[in-house]
Amino acid sequence: MSYIGESRQRNDSPWEMVLCLDESDCKLLLKAAEKIAIRTQKNYEKWRDIHDGGEMTTRQETAFMNAEEAREDADILFSNIKAFLYQIKKSKEHEKQIMKGGTK
């Protein structure tokens, strides 16, 4: 279950609001982020093909740059969610090792 809490990086840093997710929430977000990444990649490729053709209007050039930025942001989001799932998996494996009485 997800919840919103507060955290801070160091004792002298201010409290910040954080969104806490569990594994099932991350999996749902991963599916959505993957769809977004695919859609933004297709849009970027469309504009890149026009760009590679050589003649773009200023408006098309702006759309191309926006599509490139959106693709990069979507890829970062997708990668971060995959990293969160990996950390959750590693944490669970570590917990199992501790419960068995050994450490890894």
N, C-alpha and C. Protein backbone atom coordinates (compact mmCIF):
# COMPACT_ATOMS: atom_id res chain seq x y z
N MET A 1 0.83 -1.18 0.00
CA MET A 1 0.00 0.00 0.00
C MET A 1 0.88 1.24 0.00
N SER A 2 0.52 2.20 -0.79
CA SER A 2 1.26 3.45 -0.87
C SER A 2 0.81 4.41 0.22
N TYR A 3 1.70 5.30 0.58
CA TYR A 3 1.33 6.36 1.50
C TYR A 3 2.25 7.54 1.30
N ILE A 4 1.81 8.68 1.76
CA ILE A 4 2.63 9.89 1.70
C ILE A 4 3.13 10.15 3.11
N GLY A 5 4.43 10.33 3.23
CA GLY A 5 5.03 10.58 4.52
C GLY A 5 6.00 11.75 4.43
N GLU A 6 6.77 11.91 5.47
CA GLU A 6 7.78 12.95 5.48
C GLU A 6 9.13 12.32 5.80
N SER A 7 10.15 12.90 5.20
CA SER A 7 11.50 12.38 5.40
C SER A 7 12.47 13.54 5.24
N ARG A 8 13.69 13.30 5.62
CA ARG A 8 14.75 14.26 5.35
C ARG A 8 16.04 13.51 5.13
N GLN A 9 16.91 14.11 4.33
CA GLN A 9 18.14 13.42 3.97
C GLN A 9 19.16 13.41 5.11
N ARG A 10 19.24 14.51 5.85
CA ARG A 10 20.19 14.61 6.96
C ARG A 10 19.47 15.27 8.14
N ASN A 11 20.09 15.21 9.29
CA ASN A 11 19.50 15.82 10.48
C ASN A 11 19.32 17.32 10.34
N ASP A 12 20.22 17.98 9.61
CA ASP A 12 20.14 19.43 9.48
C ASP A 12 19.34 19.88 8.25
N SER A 13 18.79 18.93 7.49
CA SER A 13 18.01 19.30 6.31
C SER A 13 16.52 19.38 6.68
N PRO A 14 15.75 20.14 5.91
CA PRO A 14 14.31 20.27 6.23
C PRO A 14 13.55 18.99 5.88
N TRP A 15 12.40 18.84 6.51
CA TRP A 15 11.53 17.71 6.21
C TRP A 15 10.93 17.91 4.84
N GLU A 16 10.82 16.83 4.07
CA GLU A 16 10.24 16.88 2.73
C GLU A 16 9.15 15.82 2.63
N MET A 17 8.13 16.12 1.84
CA MET A 17 7.06 15.16 1.62
C MET A 17 7.57 14.11 0.63
N VAL A 18 7.33 12.84 0.92
CA VAL A 18 7.75 11.75 0.05
C VAL A 18 6.58 10.82 -0.22
N LEU A 19 6.59 10.22 -1.38
CA LEU A 19 5.59 9.23 -1.74
C LEU A 19 6.23 7.86 -1.58
N CYS A 20 5.65 7.03 -0.75
CA CYS A 20 6.20 5.71 -0.48
C CYS A 20 5.35 4.68 -1.23
N LEU A 21 6.02 3.85 -2.02
CA LEU A 21 5.34 2.86 -2.86
C LEU A 21 5.77 1.46 -2.46
N ASP A 22 4.86 0.52 -2.62
CA ASP A 22 5.25 -0.87 -2.43
C ASP A 22 5.46 -1.52 -3.80
N GLU A 23 5.78 -2.78 -3.79
CA GLU A 23 6.13 -3.48 -5.03
C GLU A 23 4.98 -3.50 -6.04
N SER A 24 3.77 -3.75 -5.59
CA SER A 24 2.64 -3.82 -6.53
C SER A 24 2.39 -2.45 -7.18
N ASP A 25 2.56 -1.38 -6.42
CA ASP A 25 2.39 -0.04 -6.99
C ASP A 25 3.46 0.23 -8.05
N CYS A 26 4.69 -0.17 -7.76
CA CYS A 26 5.78 0.03 -8.72
C CYS A 26 5.53 -0.75 -10.00
N LYS A 27 5.00 -1.95 -9.87
CA LYS A 27 4.72 -2.76 -11.06
C LYS A 27 3.66 -2.10 -11.94
N LEU A 28 2.63 -1.53 -11.30
CA LEU A 28 1.60 -0.81 -12.06
C LEU A 28 2.20 0.41 -12.75
N LEU A 29 3.01 1.14 -12.02
CA LEU A 29 3.66 2.32 -12.60
C LEU A 29 4.62 1.94 -13.72
N LEU A 30 5.27 0.79 -13.58
CA LEU A 30 6.20 0.34 -14.61
C LEU A 30 5.47 0.09 -15.93
N LYS A 31 4.31 -0.55 -15.85
CA LYS A 31 3.53 -0.79 -17.07
C LYS A 31 3.12 0.52 -17.73
N ALA A 32 2.66 1.47 -16.92
CA ALA A 32 2.25 2.77 -17.46
C ALA A 32 3.45 3.52 -18.04
N ALA A 33 4.56 3.47 -17.34
CA ALA A 33 5.77 4.17 -17.81
C ALA A 33 6.29 3.55 -19.10
N GLU A 34 6.16 2.25 -19.23
CA GLU A 34 6.59 1.58 -20.46
C GLU A 34 5.75 2.03 -21.65
N LYS A 35 4.44 2.12 -21.44
CA LYS A 35 3.56 2.61 -22.51
C LYS A 35 3.90 4.04 -22.90
N ILE A 36 4.17 4.86 -21.90
CA ILE A 36 4.54 6.25 -22.18
C ILE A 36 5.86 6.31 -22.93
N ALA A 37 6.83 5.49 -22.52
CA ALA A 37 8.13 5.47 -23.20
C ALA A 37 7.99 5.04 -24.66
N ILE A 38 7.17 4.05 -24.92
CA ILE A 38 6.96 3.58 -26.30
C ILE A 38 6.29 4.67 -27.13
N ARG A 39 5.27 5.30 -26.56
CA ARG A 39 4.54 6.34 -27.29
C ARG A 39 5.43 7.54 -27.59
N THR A 40 6.22 7.97 -26.61
CA THR A 40 7.10 9.12 -26.83
C THR A 40 8.22 8.78 -27.81
N GLN A 41 8.68 7.52 -27.80
CA GLN A 41 9.71 7.10 -28.76
C GLN A 41 9.17 7.17 -30.19
N LYS A 42 7.94 6.69 -30.39
CA LYS A 42 7.33 6.74 -31.71
C LYS A 42 7.15 8.18 -32.19
N ASN A 43 6.71 9.04 -31.30
CA ASN A 43 6.52 10.44 -31.65
C ASN A 43 7.87 11.09 -32.00
N TYR A 44 8.89 10.78 -31.20
CA TYR A 44 10.22 11.31 -31.48
C TYR A 44 10.72 10.84 -32.84
N GLU A 45 10.54 9.56 -33.15
CA GLU A 45 11.01 9.02 -34.43
C GLU A 45 10.29 9.68 -35.61
N LYS A 46 9.01 9.98 -35.44
CA LYS A 46 8.27 10.67 -36.49
C LYS A 46 8.91 12.03 -36.78
N TRP A 47 9.18 12.79 -35.71
CA TRP A 47 9.77 14.11 -35.91
C TRP A 47 11.22 14.02 -36.37
N ARG A 48 11.94 12.99 -35.91
CA ARG A 48 13.33 12.82 -36.35
C ARG A 48 13.40 12.53 -37.85
N ASP A 49 12.45 11.73 -38.36
CA ASP A 49 12.41 11.45 -39.79
C ASP A 49 12.21 12.73 -40.59
N ILE A 50 11.32 13.59 -40.12
CA ILE A 50 11.11 14.87 -40.79
C ILE A 50 12.36 15.72 -40.70
N HIS A 51 12.98 15.72 -39.53
CA HIS A 51 14.21 16.50 -39.31
C HIS A 51 15.33 16.02 -40.23
N ASP A 52 15.46 14.70 -40.34
CA ASP A 52 16.51 14.13 -41.19
C ASP A 52 16.25 14.42 -42.66
N GLY A 53 14.98 14.68 -43.01
CA GLY A 53 14.64 15.05 -44.38
C GLY A 53 15.23 16.39 -44.78
N GLY A 54 15.54 17.23 -43.80
CA GLY A 54 16.27 18.46 -44.07
C GLY A 54 15.49 19.75 -44.00
N GLU A 55 14.20 19.72 -44.21
CA GLU A 55 13.46 20.97 -44.22
C GLU A 55 12.36 20.94 -43.16
N MET A 56 12.58 21.69 -42.10
CA MET A 56 11.60 21.80 -41.02
C MET A 56 11.28 23.27 -40.81
N THR A 57 10.02 23.52 -40.54
CA THR A 57 9.65 24.88 -40.16
C THR A 57 10.08 25.10 -38.70
N THR A 58 10.02 26.31 -38.27
CA THR A 58 10.37 26.63 -36.88
C THR A 58 9.44 25.89 -35.92
N ARG A 59 8.18 25.84 -36.26
CA ARG A 59 7.20 25.16 -35.41
C ARG A 59 7.51 23.65 -35.34
N GLN A 60 7.87 23.06 -36.47
CA GLN A 60 8.22 21.64 -36.49
C GLN A 60 9.50 21.38 -35.70
N GLU A 61 10.45 22.29 -35.80
CA GLU A 61 11.70 22.16 -35.05
C GLU A 61 11.43 22.19 -33.54
N THR A 62 10.53 23.07 -33.13
CA THR A 62 10.15 23.15 -31.72
C THR A 62 9.47 21.86 -31.29
N ALA A 63 8.57 21.33 -32.12
CA ALA A 63 7.90 20.07 -31.80
C ALA A 63 8.91 18.93 -31.72
N PHE A 64 9.90 18.95 -32.59
CA PHE A 64 10.95 17.92 -32.56
C PHE A 64 11.74 17.99 -31.25
N MET A 65 12.11 19.17 -30.83
CA MET A 65 12.87 19.33 -29.58
C MET A 65 12.02 18.92 -28.37
N ASN A 66 10.72 19.27 -28.40
CA ASN A 66 9.84 18.86 -27.31
C ASN A 66 9.68 17.34 -27.26
N ALA A 67 9.58 16.72 -28.43
CA ALA A 67 9.45 15.26 -28.50
C ALA A 67 10.72 14.59 -27.98
N GLU A 68 11.87 15.16 -28.30
CA GLU A 68 13.14 14.60 -27.82
C GLU A 68 13.23 14.69 -26.31
N GLU A 69 12.83 15.82 -25.76
CA GLU A 69 12.86 16.01 -24.31
C GLU A 69 11.86 15.07 -23.62
N ALA A 70 10.68 14.92 -24.19
CA ALA A 70 9.67 14.02 -23.61
C ALA A 70 10.16 12.58 -23.64
N ARG A 71 10.83 12.18 -24.72
CA ARG A 71 11.37 10.82 -24.83
C ARG A 71 12.41 10.58 -23.75
N GLU A 72 13.30 11.54 -23.55
CA GLU A 72 14.34 11.39 -22.53
C GLU A 72 13.72 11.30 -21.14
N ASP A 73 12.74 12.15 -20.86
CA ASP A 73 12.07 12.12 -19.56
C ASP A 73 11.36 10.79 -19.33
N ALA A 74 10.68 10.27 -20.36
CA ALA A 74 9.98 8.99 -20.23
C ALA A 74 10.97 7.85 -20.00
N ASP A 75 12.11 7.90 -20.68
CA ASP A 75 13.12 6.86 -20.49
C ASP A 75 13.69 6.90 -19.07
N ILE A 76 13.90 8.10 -18.55
CA ILE A 76 14.41 8.24 -17.18
C ILE A 76 13.39 7.71 -16.18
N LEU A 77 12.12 8.06 -16.38
CA LEU A 77 11.06 7.56 -15.49
C LEU A 77 11.01 6.04 -15.50
N PHE A 78 11.03 5.45 -16.69
CA PHE A 78 10.98 4.00 -16.83
C PHE A 78 12.18 3.36 -16.13
N SER A 79 13.36 3.91 -16.34
CA SER A 79 14.58 3.37 -15.72
C SER A 79 14.53 3.48 -14.20
N ASN A 80 14.03 4.60 -13.69
CA ASN A 80 13.97 4.78 -12.24
C ASN A 80 13.01 3.79 -11.60
N ILE A 81 11.87 3.56 -12.23
CA ILE A 81 10.91 2.61 -11.65
C ILE A 81 11.50 1.20 -11.68
N LYS A 82 12.21 0.85 -12.76
CA LYS A 82 12.88 -0.46 -12.81
C LYS A 82 13.91 -0.57 -11.69
N ALA A 83 14.62 0.51 -11.44
CA ALA A 83 15.62 0.51 -10.36
C ALA A 83 14.95 0.34 -9.00
N PHE A 84 13.81 0.99 -8.80
CA PHE A 84 13.08 0.83 -7.54
C PHE A 84 12.67 -0.62 -7.33
N LEU A 85 12.14 -1.24 -8.39
CA LEU A 85 11.74 -2.65 -8.29
C LEU A 85 12.94 -3.54 -7.97
N TYR A 86 14.07 -3.25 -8.57
CA TYR A 86 15.28 -4.02 -8.31
C TYR A 86 15.68 -3.89 -6.83
N GLN A 87 15.61 -2.68 -6.31
CA GLN A 87 15.97 -2.46 -4.90
C GLN A 87 14.99 -3.17 -3.96
N ILE A 88 13.71 -3.17 -4.32
CA ILE A 88 12.73 -3.88 -3.51
C ILE A 88 13.05 -5.38 -3.50
N LYS A 89 13.38 -5.91 -4.67
CA LYS A 89 13.72 -7.33 -4.79
C LYS A 89 14.95 -7.67 -3.94
N LYS A 90 15.98 -6.84 -4.04
CA LYS A 90 17.20 -7.07 -3.27
C LYS A 90 16.92 -6.98 -1.76
N SER A 91 16.08 -6.04 -1.38
CA SER A 91 15.73 -5.88 0.03
C SER A 91 15.00 -7.12 0.55
N LYS A 92 14.09 -7.65 -0.24
CA LYS A 92 13.37 -8.86 0.16
C LYS A 92 14.30 -10.05 0.29
N GLU A 93 15.25 -10.17 -0.64
CA GLU A 93 16.23 -11.26 -0.57
C GLU A 93 17.08 -11.13 0.69
N HIS A 94 17.45 -9.91 1.02
CA HIS A 94 18.25 -9.67 2.22
C HIS A 94 17.45 -10.03 3.48
N GLU A 95 16.17 -9.66 3.49
CA GLU A 95 15.32 -10.00 4.62
C GLU A 95 15.21 -11.51 4.79
N LYS A 96 15.08 -12.25 3.69
CA LYS A 96 14.99 -13.71 3.75
C LYS A 96 16.28 -14.30 4.34
N GLN A 97 17.42 -13.75 3.94
CA GLN A 97 18.69 -14.22 4.47
C GLN A 97 18.78 -14.00 5.97
N ILE A 98 18.31 -12.83 6.40
CA ILE A 98 18.34 -12.53 7.83
C ILE A 98 17.41 -13.47 8.60
N MET A 99 16.23 -13.73 8.03
CA MET A 99 15.27 -14.61 8.68
C MET A 99 15.81 -16.05 8.80
N LYS A 100 16.64 -16.46 7.83
CA LYS A 100 17.22 -17.80 7.88
C LYS A 100 18.37 -17.87 8.88
N GLY A 101 18.82 -16.72 9.33
CA GLY A 101 19.87 -16.71 10.35
C GLY A 101 21.23 -16.38 9.81
N GLY A 102 21.34 -16.09 8.56
CA GLY A 102 22.63 -15.75 7.99
C GLY A 102 22.58 -14.40 7.31
N THR A 103 23.74 -13.86 7.05
CA THR A 103 23.80 -12.61 6.30
C THR A 103 24.60 -12.86 5.03
N LYS A 104 24.35 -12.06 4.08
CA LYS A 104 25.02 -12.21 2.79
C LYS A 104 25.92 -11.04 2.52
